[in-house]
Amino acid sequence: MADIKTFYLPDLGEGLPDATVVEWHVKEGDTIKLDAPLVSMETAKAVVDVPSPFSGTVKKLHGGVGDIIETGASLADFEIDPNARQRAEAESTGHHHGPKKSVGSPAPDDASKVVASDDGGEIESDGKAPAQREDEGTVVGAMVSGNAVHTEQVSSAGGVKAVPAVRALAKKMKIDLTRVSPTGAGGVITMADVKNAAANGGAALGASGSQPAAPTRPASAQHLAPTLPEPGPAPSRTPVSLAGKAVRTAPPGKDAMGQPEQLKGVRRNMARVMADAHAQVVPTTIVDDADLHAWIGKQDITARLIRAIVVACKAVPALNAWFNGKDLTRTLHPHVDIGIAVDTEDGLFVPALRNADVLDGAGVRAAIKRLRSSVEDRSIPASELSGYTISLSNFGMFAGRYATPVVVPPTVAIIGAGKLSHDVVAVMGGIEVHRRMPLSLTFDHRAATGGEAARFLKAMIDDLGLPQ
């Protein structure tokens, strides 16, 4: 009798509740070796290559490209090859990095890979999923694992069907997705399609050539999800009918409205984090302006802003802290790790600028450049997206003066820097025009007082007002 084992999606890091299938590296019926690439999964933080926990034949793949699979749900079934090497029950994988974190934890020799199984991948197939795991705390609160697969179609933008990770790869490799011929189910562009297009050079951005024909949908592509109507041009509209009356007196119909799109990856996690923060934190915001009139020469605004936050954290440690609302405990940090909000097409990332209190201006600029680059190409490891002690949103790079940025537990405060402006300022004997930076400070009033927040903001303003 064949020995069939089921591999369940491990926790791919930090208690994330689910992940999206980006690309299967095998198909049903293929043979695979132990630790060979099985599937690429997109989490809220990165694209992770999950290795095979067994040697044998792939009997069933649970989900297709674009499907969301919850942590602990069935990922693939294997028929074990008794003659091939299997990991022994007691054999260490060498990937452990703490209790309850070994399954799915980053491998020490390759951060893009994870441990397939804590006990060598030998997961018993008794027809039941593993027992419900204990809720794993994360930097944004507790997230509970489940055992369901959400079957959904890949979102379509610009007539191209691809998951965010594929779009990010195409952007990095300067590939025009509209010129790539899809091979995935339902006309979905896969990682392999982008790599092949880069190899033959026919789909480079700006290259001339005709658009590929619209892919046909094979019957096999419709076994995972109901078919939705293909996007098409909206019917032309005029303000009045031929009779001279208003065309529409009711809400627009389905054809005139946008189609609902399931949030995935980064945006899906962002929605959870923001809702969780709104439910937990008691936020209060104070605002003021820092006068930069005394600055000498051209200076790095971001580096000065980081320095001002560090100075304020040293002056008022209560805001450079973590707060546990359940136990009513707080942790004051002697170091300053600043979470820098980075806006991308896929959603919001908050990488941590480590040891900001010991970096000079050049070090700050180099570290931020590295973080932004790794976020843009989705190579940033999960360890750099958590553990910060205070946050910064430099939204003024785009627009806006003041804001009420969201404090994400367990942190206590977040600073928002608005758009610089030249304001008329009253001085002794008249008026002058000074360049000023609007600042917004949102803090969790459960963990800090209004006086502490005001002194923190004043310390920032005083440091930003120095000539150098």
Protein backbone atom coordinates (compact mmCIF):
# COMPACT_ATOMS: atom_id res chain seq x y z
CA MET A 1 0.00 0.00 0.00
CA ALA A 2 1.34 3.40 -1.00
CA ASP A 3 2.62 5.59 1.82
CA ILE A 4 0.84 8.95 1.33
CA LYS A 5 1.83 11.91 3.46
CA THR A 6 0.37 15.41 3.55
CA PHE A 7 2.52 18.51 3.90
CA TYR A 8 0.80 21.40 5.66
CA LEU A 9 1.74 25.02 5.02
CA PRO A 10 4.20 25.96 7.79
CA ASP A 11 4.34 29.31 9.53
CA LEU A 12 6.50 31.30 7.13
CA GLY A 13 7.51 33.75 9.83
CA GLU A 14 6.23 35.96 12.65
CA GLY A 15 2.90 34.18 13.04
CA LEU A 16 1.59 35.20 9.60
CA PRO A 17 -1.87 33.66 9.11
CA ASP A 18 -1.70 32.84 5.39
CA ALA A 19 0.31 33.06 2.19
CA THR A 20 -0.43 33.29 -1.54
CA VAL A 21 0.77 30.74 -4.10
CA VAL A 22 3.11 32.53 -6.52
CA GLU A 23 4.48 29.60 -8.51
CA TRP A 24 4.54 25.82 -8.22
CA HIS A 25 7.93 24.36 -9.15
CA VAL A 26 6.37 20.92 -9.72
CA LYS A 27 3.13 19.51 -11.05
CA GLU A 28 1.06 16.54 -9.99
CA GLY A 29 2.79 13.31 -10.97
CA ASP A 30 6.31 14.76 -10.82
CA THR A 31 9.00 13.17 -8.68
CA ILE A 32 10.84 15.40 -6.24
CA LYS A 33 13.84 15.06 -3.96
CA LEU A 34 14.10 16.04 -0.32
CA ASP A 35 14.65 19.82 0.10
CA ALA A 36 14.17 20.52 -3.62
CA PRO A 37 12.12 23.68 -4.40
CA LEU A 38 8.42 22.90 -4.10
CA VAL A 39 6.56 26.21 -4.30
CA SER A 40 7.11 29.96 -4.03
CA MET A 41 4.72 31.59 -1.55
CA GLU A 42 4.10 35.30 -1.07
CA THR A 43 3.54 36.39 2.50
CA ALA A 44 2.81 39.87 3.78
CA LYS A 45 6.54 40.47 3.93
CA ALA A 46 8.40 38.54 1.23
CA VAL A 47 8.33 35.82 -1.42
CA VAL A 48 9.57 32.60 0.20
CA ASP A 49 10.72 29.41 -1.53
CA VAL A 50 9.31 26.43 0.37
CA PRO A 51 11.35 23.21 -0.02
CA SER A 52 9.96 19.71 -0.23
CA PRO A 53 9.91 17.84 3.09
CA PHE A 54 9.93 14.44 1.35
CA SER A 55 11.42 12.48 -1.52
CA GLY A 56 8.76 10.88 -3.68
CA THR A 57 5.94 11.57 -6.12
CA VAL A 58 3.68 14.62 -5.94
CA LYS A 59 0.13 13.24 -5.80
CA LYS A 60 -1.88 16.42 -5.26
CA LEU A 61 -1.32 20.17 -5.09
CA HIS A 62 -3.81 21.98 -2.84
CA GLY A 63 -4.37 25.30 -4.63
CA GLY A 64 -3.29 27.10 -7.76
CA VAL A 65 -1.40 30.28 -8.58
CA GLY A 66 -3.01 33.21 -6.79
CA ASP A 67 -4.81 31.10 -4.18
CA ILE A 68 -4.54 32.13 -0.53
CA ILE A 69 -3.68 29.21 1.75
CA GLU A 70 -3.97 29.56 5.51
CA THR A 71 -1.12 28.50 7.76
CA GLY A 72 -1.69 24.90 8.80
CA ALA A 73 -3.82 24.04 5.75
CA SER A 74 -2.90 21.21 3.35
CA LEU A 75 -0.33 22.28 0.77
CA ALA A 76 0.63 19.08 -1.06
CA ASP A 77 0.28 15.29 -0.87
CA PHE A 78 3.25 13.01 -1.52
CA GLU A 79 3.69 9.30 -2.20
CA ILE A 80 6.89 8.51 -0.33
CA ASP A 81 9.72 6.79 -2.22
CA PRO A 82 10.97 4.09 0.19
CA ASN A 83 14.26 3.79 -1.71
CA ALA A 84 15.11 7.50 -1.65
CA ARG A 85 16.69 9.49 1.16
CA GLN A 86 14.22 10.77 3.73
CA ARG A 87 14.95 12.93 6.73
CA ALA A 88 15.02 10.84 9.90
CA GLU A 89 12.56 11.55 12.66
CA ALA A 90 15.29 12.64 15.09
CA GLU A 91 17.51 14.31 12.51
CA SER A 92 17.93 18.01 13.09
CA THR A 93 17.21 20.28 10.15
CA GLY A 94 19.63 22.89 11.45
CA HIS A 95 17.02 25.58 10.84
CA HIS A 96 15.69 26.11 14.36
CA HIS A 97 15.67 29.66 15.69
CA GLY A 98 13.57 29.33 18.82
CA PRO A 99 10.63 27.45 20.29
CA LYS A 100 7.46 27.41 18.22
CA LYS A 101 9.40 29.10 15.41
CA SER A 102 11.30 26.21 13.88
CA VAL A 103 8.70 25.23 11.31
CA GLY A 104 8.87 27.75 8.52
CA SER A 105 11.77 29.65 10.04
CA PRO A 106 14.48 31.13 7.80
CA ALA A 107 17.34 28.76 7.00
CA PRO A 108 20.67 30.03 8.35
CA ASP A 109 22.45 29.48 5.03
CA ASP A 110 19.71 30.98 2.84
CA ALA A 111 17.22 33.50 4.23
CA SER A 112 14.94 33.00 1.21
CA LYS A 113 14.26 29.39 2.25
CA VAL A 114 12.40 28.03 5.24
CA VAL A 115 12.36 24.87 7.31
CA ALA A 116 9.78 22.55 5.80
CA SER A 117 9.12 20.56 8.97
CA ASP A 118 10.26 20.76 12.56
CA ASP A 119 10.70 17.01 12.82
CA GLY A 120 12.17 16.30 9.41
CA GLY A 121 8.98 16.75 7.44
CA GLU A 122 7.43 13.52 8.71
CA ILE A 123 3.87 14.80 9.11
CA GLU A 124 1.41 12.00 9.71
CA SER A 125 -1.48 11.74 7.25
CA ASP A 126 -4.38 10.51 9.32
CA GLY A 127 -6.90 12.50 7.33
CA LYS A 128 -6.83 15.34 9.82
CA ALA A 129 -4.98 18.64 9.87
CA PRO A 130 -2.54 19.21 12.72
CA ALA A 131 -4.04 20.16 16.05
CA GLN A 132 -4.96 23.81 16.38
CA ARG A 133 -1.75 25.62 17.22
CA GLU A 134 -1.35 28.02 20.06
CA ASP A 135 -1.87 31.64 19.03
CA GLU A 136 1.54 33.11 18.16
CA GLY A 137 2.17 36.69 19.26
CA THR A 138 3.59 39.08 16.69
CA VAL A 139 4.71 42.65 16.69
CA VAL A 140 1.22 43.72 15.64
CA GLY A 141 -0.71 41.45 18.00
CA ALA A 142 -1.89 37.86 17.98
CA MET A 143 -2.75 36.12 14.74
CA VAL A 144 -4.53 32.77 14.75
CA SER A 145 -3.75 30.00 12.32
CA GLY A 146 -6.49 28.27 10.37
CA ASN A 147 -6.97 25.30 8.09
CA ALA A 148 -8.81 26.62 5.05
CA VAL A 149 -7.81 27.41 1.49
CA HIS A 150 -9.27 30.55 -0.09
CA THR A 151 -9.69 29.88 -3.81
CA GLU A 152 -9.55 33.09 -5.79
CA GLN A 153 -8.54 34.38 -9.18
CA VAL A 154 -5.42 36.43 -9.66
CA SER A 155 -6.20 40.14 -9.87
CA SER A 156 -6.09 41.75 -13.29
CA ALA A 157 -4.60 45.20 -13.81
CA GLY A 158 -4.09 46.73 -17.22
CA GLY A 159 -5.35 43.53 -18.82
CA VAL A 160 -2.51 41.54 -17.24
CA LYS A 161 -3.07 38.76 -14.71
CA ALA A 162 -0.22 38.38 -12.24
CA VAL A 163 0.36 38.29 -8.51
CA PRO A 164 2.25 41.21 -6.90
CA ALA A 165 5.47 39.23 -6.61
CA VAL A 166 5.52 38.61 -10.37
CA ARG A 167 4.86 42.29 -11.02
CA ALA A 168 7.72 43.20 -8.69
CA LEU A 169 10.08 40.84 -10.54
CA ALA A 170 9.02 42.30 -13.90
CA LYS A 171 9.64 45.81 -12.60
CA LYS A 172 13.08 44.81 -11.34
CA MET A 173 14.00 43.14 -14.64
CA LYS A 174 12.42 45.97 -16.70
CA ILE A 175 9.95 43.65 -18.42
CA ASP A 176 6.70 44.89 -20.00
CA LEU A 177 4.08 42.43 -18.71
CA THR A 178 1.72 43.30 -21.56
CA ARG A 179 4.24 41.71 -23.94
CA VAL A 180 4.70 38.50 -21.94
CA SER A 181 2.90 35.36 -23.08
CA PRO A 182 1.28 33.74 -20.03
CA THR A 183 1.50 30.01 -19.40
CA GLY A 184 -0.27 29.85 -16.05
CA ALA A 185 -3.81 28.62 -15.51
CA GLY A 186 -6.40 31.11 -16.72
CA GLY A 187 -3.85 33.27 -18.52
CA VAL A 188 -1.83 34.07 -15.41
CA ILE A 189 1.75 35.25 -15.91
CA THR A 190 4.17 33.23 -13.77
CA MET A 191 7.70 33.86 -12.51
CA ALA A 192 9.01 31.55 -15.24
CA ASP A 193 7.22 33.57 -17.93
CA VAL A 194 8.94 36.76 -16.78
CA LYS A 195 12.35 35.08 -16.62
CA ASN A 196 11.89 33.60 -20.10
CA ALA A 197 10.85 36.98 -21.47
CA ALA A 198 13.96 38.55 -19.97
CA ALA A 199 16.12 35.83 -21.53
CA ASN A 200 14.81 36.30 -25.10
CA GLY A 201 14.65 40.10 -24.81
CA GLY A 202 11.37 40.47 -26.64
CA ALA A 203 9.39 42.05 -23.81
CA ALA A 204 11.73 44.74 -22.54
CA LEU A 205 10.14 48.04 -21.52
CA GLY A 206 10.09 50.41 -24.47
CA ALA A 207 10.76 47.66 -27.02
CA SER A 208 8.78 47.82 -30.25
CA GLY A 209 6.60 44.97 -31.36
CA SER A 210 3.06 43.80 -31.44
CA GLN A 211 1.14 42.83 -28.38
CA PRO A 212 0.67 39.09 -27.77
CA ALA A 213 -2.70 37.67 -28.56
CA ALA A 214 -5.13 37.41 -25.69
CA PRO A 215 -4.68 34.02 -24.01
CA THR A 216 -7.44 31.50 -24.20
CA ARG A 217 -8.72 29.95 -21.01
CA PRO A 218 -8.40 26.14 -21.02
CA ALA A 219 -11.11 24.11 -19.39
CA SER A 220 -8.65 22.87 -16.77
CA ALA A 221 -8.13 26.43 -15.58
CA GLN A 222 -11.67 26.65 -14.27
CA HIS A 223 -11.57 23.86 -11.71
CA LEU A 224 -10.43 26.09 -8.85
CA ALA A 225 -12.73 29.09 -9.06
CA PRO A 226 -15.90 30.23 -10.78
CA THR A 227 -15.35 32.12 -14.00
CA LEU A 228 -15.79 35.88 -13.84
CA PRO A 229 -16.53 37.95 -16.94
CA GLU A 230 -13.40 39.14 -18.72
CA PRO A 231 -12.74 42.87 -18.25
CA GLY A 232 -13.78 45.03 -21.16
CA PRO A 233 -14.42 48.65 -22.03
CA ALA A 234 -17.27 50.23 -20.12
CA PRO A 235 -20.27 51.23 -22.24
CA SER A 236 -20.20 54.83 -23.37
CA ARG A 237 -22.29 57.18 -21.24
CA THR A 238 -24.02 60.48 -21.96
CA PRO A 239 -25.64 62.85 -19.46
CA VAL A 240 -29.10 62.58 -21.04
CA SER A 241 -31.06 60.07 -23.06
CA LEU A 242 -32.43 60.58 -26.57
CA ALA A 243 -35.63 61.77 -24.92
CA GLY A 244 -33.71 64.44 -23.05
CA LYS A 245 -34.06 62.78 -19.64
CA ALA A 246 -31.39 61.67 -17.22
CA VAL A 247 -29.90 58.36 -18.31
CA ARG A 248 -29.59 56.80 -14.87
CA THR A 249 -31.76 57.26 -11.81
CA ALA A 250 -30.50 54.24 -9.89
CA PRO A 251 -27.03 53.17 -8.69
CA PRO A 252 -24.77 51.94 -11.50
CA GLY A 253 -25.10 48.34 -12.51
CA LYS A 254 -22.44 45.65 -12.33
CA ASP A 255 -20.95 46.52 -15.73
CA ALA A 256 -20.49 50.16 -14.80
CA MET A 257 -18.91 49.48 -11.42
CA GLY A 258 -15.51 48.04 -10.57
CA GLN A 259 -15.26 44.38 -9.64
CA PRO A 260 -14.37 43.36 -6.06
CA GLU A 261 -10.77 42.23 -5.69
CA GLN A 262 -9.50 40.06 -2.85
CA LEU A 263 -6.69 41.71 -0.91
CA LYS A 264 -3.51 39.66 -0.92
CA GLY A 265 0.01 39.76 0.40
CA VAL A 266 1.12 43.11 1.78
CA ARG A 267 -2.25 44.88 1.46
CA ARG A 268 -4.02 41.99 3.14
CA ASN A 269 -1.68 42.18 6.12
CA MET A 270 -1.90 45.97 6.18
CA ALA A 271 -5.68 45.74 6.51
CA ARG A 272 -5.34 43.35 9.45
CA VAL A 273 -2.66 45.42 11.19
CA MET A 274 -4.55 48.70 10.87
CA ALA A 275 -7.80 47.17 12.15
CA ASP A 276 -5.96 45.55 15.05
CA ALA A 277 -4.23 48.82 15.95
CA HIS A 278 -7.53 50.72 15.81
CA ALA A 279 -9.11 48.20 18.19
CA GLN A 280 -6.28 48.31 20.75
CA VAL A 281 -4.66 51.73 20.89
CA VAL A 282 -6.00 54.88 22.57
CA PRO A 283 -4.42 57.40 20.18
CA THR A 284 -3.85 61.10 20.80
CA THR A 285 -2.11 63.44 18.35
CA ILE A 286 -0.29 66.71 18.94
CA VAL A 287 1.16 68.90 16.17
CA ASP A 288 3.68 71.74 15.87
CA ASP A 289 6.24 73.17 13.44
CA ALA A 290 10.03 73.01 13.51
CA ASP A 291 11.74 76.20 12.29
CA LEU A 292 14.65 75.38 9.95
CA HIS A 293 15.64 79.00 9.32
CA ALA A 294 18.96 78.64 11.17
CA TRP A 295 20.23 75.77 9.01
CA ILE A 296 23.62 76.45 7.41
CA GLY A 297 24.02 75.28 3.83
CA LYS A 298 22.31 72.27 2.28
CA GLN A 299 21.61 69.49 4.75
CA ASP A 300 20.11 66.00 4.59
CA ILE A 301 16.56 66.49 5.85
CA THR A 302 15.96 62.80 6.55
CA ALA A 303 19.21 62.45 8.50
CA ARG A 304 18.34 65.52 10.60
CA LEU A 305 14.86 64.15 11.22
CA ILE A 306 16.26 60.79 12.38
CA ARG A 307 18.74 62.57 14.65
CA ALA A 308 15.96 64.66 16.18
CA ILE A 309 13.92 61.52 16.94
CA VAL A 310 16.95 59.94 18.62
CA VAL A 311 17.52 63.07 20.74
CA ALA A 312 13.87 63.10 21.77
CA CYS A 313 13.96 59.37 22.64
CA LYS A 314 16.90 59.99 24.95
CA ALA A 315 15.16 62.99 26.55
CA VAL A 316 11.78 61.25 26.99
CA PRO A 317 12.26 57.43 27.03
CA ALA A 318 8.55 56.83 27.67
CA LEU A 319 7.81 57.15 23.94
CA ASN A 320 10.65 54.87 22.83
CA ALA A 321 8.90 51.89 24.34
CA TRP A 322 6.61 48.90 23.90
CA PHE A 323 3.32 48.57 25.74
CA ASN A 324 1.42 45.35 26.52
CA GLY A 325 -2.23 46.22 26.95
CA LYS A 326 -3.18 42.79 28.29
CA ASP A 327 -0.62 42.68 31.10
CA LEU A 328 -0.42 46.48 31.47
CA THR A 329 3.36 46.41 31.24
CA ARG A 330 5.75 48.60 29.30
CA THR A 331 9.32 48.10 28.14
CA LEU A 332 11.63 51.11 27.85
CA HIS A 333 14.38 50.58 25.28
CA PRO A 334 17.94 51.86 25.71
CA HIS A 335 18.50 51.65 21.94
CA VAL A 336 16.53 53.35 19.15
CA ASP A 337 15.28 51.26 16.20
CA ILE A 338 13.07 53.40 13.96
CA GLY A 339 10.42 51.85 11.71
CA ILE A 340 10.48 53.78 8.43
CA ALA A 341 7.18 53.67 6.53
CA VAL A 342 7.81 52.85 2.84
CA ASP A 343 4.96 53.22 0.36
CA THR A 344 4.85 50.75 -2.57
CA GLU A 345 2.34 49.72 -5.22
CA ASP A 346 1.74 46.50 -3.28
CA GLY A 347 1.06 48.28 0.02
CA LEU A 348 2.84 49.59 3.08
CA PHE A 349 6.15 48.21 4.35
CA VAL A 350 7.79 49.33 7.61
CA PRO A 351 11.44 48.20 7.67
CA ALA A 352 13.47 48.90 10.80
CA LEU A 353 16.41 51.30 10.81
CA ARG A 354 18.49 49.51 13.46
CA ASN A 355 20.68 51.31 15.97
CA ALA A 356 19.71 54.76 14.73
CA ASP A 357 21.17 56.20 17.93
CA VAL A 358 24.74 55.32 16.88
CA LEU A 359 24.55 56.21 13.16
CA ASP A 360 25.88 59.45 11.70
CA GLY A 361 24.23 61.25 8.78
CA ALA A 362 26.02 59.21 6.13
CA GLY A 363 25.20 55.97 7.94
CA VAL A 364 21.53 56.91 8.15
CA ARG A 365 21.33 57.72 4.44
CA ALA A 366 23.12 54.49 3.43
CA ALA A 367 20.93 52.34 5.69
CA ILE A 368 17.68 53.90 4.42
CA LYS A 369 18.80 53.50 0.80
CA ARG A 370 19.53 49.81 1.42
CA LEU A 371 16.16 49.27 3.11
CA ARG A 372 14.23 50.99 0.32
CA SER A 373 16.05 48.98 -2.34
CA SER A 374 15.38 45.66 -0.62
CA VAL A 375 11.71 46.60 -0.15
CA GLU A 376 11.30 47.52 -3.82
CA ASP A 377 12.71 44.21 -5.08
CA ARG A 378 10.99 42.25 -2.28
CA SER A 379 14.26 40.78 -1.03
CA ILE A 380 14.02 42.20 2.49
CA PRO A 381 14.02 39.48 5.18
CA ALA A 382 11.17 39.27 7.68
CA SER A 383 13.57 40.03 10.53
CA GLU A 384 13.99 43.58 9.24
CA LEU A 385 10.25 44.27 9.20
CA SER A 386 9.61 44.00 12.93
CA GLY A 387 11.04 44.86 16.31
CA TYR A 388 11.30 48.63 15.88
CA THR A 389 10.85 50.78 18.98
CA ILE A 390 9.24 53.88 17.40
CA SER A 391 7.99 54.77 13.91
CA LEU A 392 8.36 57.55 11.33
CA SER A 393 6.06 58.42 8.42
CA ASN A 394 7.65 60.98 6.11
CA PHE A 395 4.42 61.57 4.16
CA GLY A 396 5.47 65.17 3.39
CA MET A 397 7.58 63.81 0.54
CA PHE A 398 4.31 63.73 -1.40
CA ALA A 399 1.85 66.18 0.18
CA GLY A 400 0.17 67.16 3.41
CA ARG A 401 1.14 69.20 6.47
CA TYR A 402 -0.33 67.38 9.46
CA ALA A 403 -1.73 63.89 9.99
CA THR A 404 -2.90 61.40 12.59
CA PRO A 405 -0.62 58.43 11.78
CA VAL A 406 -1.52 55.05 13.26
CA VAL A 407 0.39 53.64 16.24
CA VAL A 408 0.96 49.91 15.68
CA PRO A 409 1.26 47.86 18.90
CA PRO A 410 3.43 47.21 20.76
CA THR A 411 5.06 50.55 19.91
CA VAL A 412 3.87 53.63 21.78
CA ALA A 413 4.45 56.46 19.30
CA ILE A 414 4.80 57.42 15.64
CA ILE A 415 6.06 60.70 14.18
CA GLY A 416 4.65 62.16 10.98
CA ALA A 417 6.72 64.69 9.02
CA GLY A 418 4.74 66.94 6.71
CA LYS A 419 5.66 68.89 3.59
CA LEU A 420 8.16 71.68 4.13
CA SER A 421 6.81 75.16 3.56
CA HIS A 422 7.90 78.79 3.68
CA ASP A 423 5.78 80.56 6.28
CA VAL A 424 5.53 84.15 7.42
CA VAL A 425 6.86 84.30 10.98
CA ALA A 426 6.59 87.17 13.44
CA VAL A 427 9.98 88.22 14.82
CA MET A 428 11.14 91.06 17.01
CA GLY A 429 10.65 94.23 15.01
CA GLY A 430 8.73 92.75 12.07
CA ILE A 431 8.09 89.64 10.06
CA GLU A 432 10.28 87.15 8.15
CA VAL A 433 9.76 84.18 5.86
CA HIS A 434 11.15 80.97 7.39
CA ARG A 435 11.27 77.41 6.09
CA ARG A 436 9.41 75.16 8.52
CA MET A 437 8.66 71.45 8.89
CA PRO A 438 5.20 70.44 10.18
CA LEU A 439 5.38 67.62 12.74
CA SER A 440 2.63 65.33 14.02
CA LEU A 441 3.11 63.01 17.00
CA THR A 442 0.54 60.29 17.68
CA PHE A 443 1.02 58.37 20.93
CA ASP A 444 -0.82 55.67 22.86
CA HIS A 445 -2.34 57.52 25.81
CA ARG A 446 -2.46 54.28 27.80
CA ALA A 447 1.33 54.24 27.95
CA ALA A 448 2.37 57.90 27.90
CA THR A 449 1.07 61.18 29.29
CA GLY A 450 0.31 64.32 27.33
CA GLY A 451 3.19 66.04 29.09
CA GLU A 452 5.65 63.36 28.03
CA ALA A 453 4.45 63.62 24.43
CA ALA A 454 4.72 67.42 24.46
CA ARG A 455 8.26 67.30 25.87
CA PHE A 456 9.19 64.70 23.25
CA LEU A 457 7.92 66.94 20.45
CA LYS A 458 9.70 69.98 21.91
CA ALA A 459 13.00 68.05 22.05
CA MET A 460 12.61 67.25 18.33
CA ILE A 461 11.81 70.85 17.46
CA ASP A 462 14.77 72.17 19.44
CA ASP A 463 17.21 69.79 17.71
CA LEU A 464 15.81 70.55 14.25
CA GLY A 465 16.24 74.24 14.97
CA LEU A 466 20.01 73.94 15.42
CA PRO A 467 22.22 75.29 12.61
CA GLN A 468 23.91 71.93 12.07
